[in-house]
Amino acid sequence: MRAAGETVRPAGNARDSLSPQELQIATLAAQGLTNKEIGRQLFLSPRTVGTHLYRLFPKLGITARAELAAALSPH
């Protein structure tokens, strides 16, 4: 479905599929912080932050950083 341009969201609360660190990174990114700013706060490299975001996007069924806030909000 994703190849056809459809957004695929996992059933249930997508937040539950994230690890605590992924949730923390996703929340900060949804607030508009850059990878560098998130890394400074969490004592991680910006590259590590990017890797976490890359891995959590499919878990949330999103393809862009701009979709994070909506994906994390309770429905």
Protein backbone atom coordinates (compact mmCIF):
# COMPACT_ATOMS: atom_id res chain seq x y z
CA MET A 1 0.00 0.00 0.00
CA ARG A 2 2.86 2.36 0.79
CA ALA A 3 4.13 2.01 -2.80
CA ALA A 4 0.73 3.20 -4.02
CA GLY A 5 0.99 6.31 -1.87
CA GLU A 6 -1.25 5.10 0.93
CA THR A 7 -0.35 5.69 4.56
CA VAL A 8 -0.20 2.48 6.52
CA ARG A 9 -0.75 2.79 10.26
CA PRO A 10 -0.38 -0.12 12.63
CA ALA A 11 -3.49 -1.20 14.50
CA GLY A 12 -3.80 0.02 18.07
CA ASN A 13 -1.62 2.64 19.66
CA ALA A 14 1.56 3.03 17.61
CA ARG A 15 3.37 4.52 20.61
CA ASP A 16 3.28 1.10 22.27
CA SER A 17 5.53 -0.33 19.54
CA LEU A 18 8.35 2.11 20.38
CA SER A 19 11.11 1.57 22.91
CA PRO A 20 11.39 4.23 25.65
CA GLN A 21 14.39 5.81 23.89
CA GLU A 22 12.63 5.81 20.52
CA LEU A 23 9.59 7.47 22.09
CA GLN A 24 11.79 10.11 23.70
CA ILE A 25 13.58 10.84 20.41
CA ALA A 26 10.31 10.89 18.45
CA THR A 27 8.73 13.27 20.95
CA LEU A 28 11.65 15.69 20.76
CA ALA A 29 11.71 15.52 16.96
CA ALA A 30 7.95 16.16 16.88
CA GLN A 31 8.60 19.31 18.93
CA GLY A 32 10.84 20.55 16.13
CA LEU A 33 14.30 19.82 17.53
CA THR A 34 17.03 18.90 15.08
CA ASN A 35 19.01 15.66 15.34
CA LYS A 36 21.93 17.68 16.69
CA GLU A 37 19.78 19.30 19.41
CA ILE A 38 18.23 15.95 20.36
CA GLY A 39 21.68 14.39 20.51
CA ARG A 40 22.93 17.11 22.84
CA GLN A 41 19.99 16.58 25.21
CA LEU A 42 20.27 12.80 25.26
CA PHE A 43 24.08 12.52 24.98
CA LEU A 44 23.87 10.78 21.60
CA SER A 45 25.46 11.57 18.27
CA PRO A 46 23.23 13.17 15.65
CA ARG A 47 23.84 10.10 13.49
CA THR A 48 22.51 7.81 16.23
CA VAL A 49 19.42 10.00 16.54
CA GLY A 50 18.92 9.75 12.78
CA THR A 51 19.21 5.98 12.93
CA HIS A 52 16.57 5.77 15.65
CA LEU A 53 14.23 7.98 13.62
CA TYR A 54 14.85 5.86 10.50
CA ARG A 55 13.88 2.72 12.43
CA LEU A 56 10.83 4.16 14.18
CA PHE A 57 9.16 5.67 11.10
CA PRO A 58 7.97 2.26 9.82
CA LYS A 59 6.79 1.33 13.32
CA LEU A 60 4.58 4.43 13.31
CA GLY A 61 3.54 3.97 9.69
CA ILE A 62 4.93 7.35 8.61
CA THR A 63 7.42 8.48 5.99
CA ALA A 64 8.21 12.07 7.04
CA ARG A 65 9.31 13.88 10.17
CA ALA A 66 6.36 16.26 9.79
CA GLU A 67 4.00 13.34 10.47
CA LEU A 68 5.51 12.57 13.89
CA ALA A 69 3.23 14.79 15.97
CA ALA A 70 0.08 13.29 14.51
CA ALA A 71 1.43 9.74 14.82
CA LEU A 72 2.30 10.22 18.49
CA SER A 73 -0.94 11.90 19.51
CA PRO A 74 -3.52 9.66 21.19
CA HIS A 75 -6.47 8.98 18.88
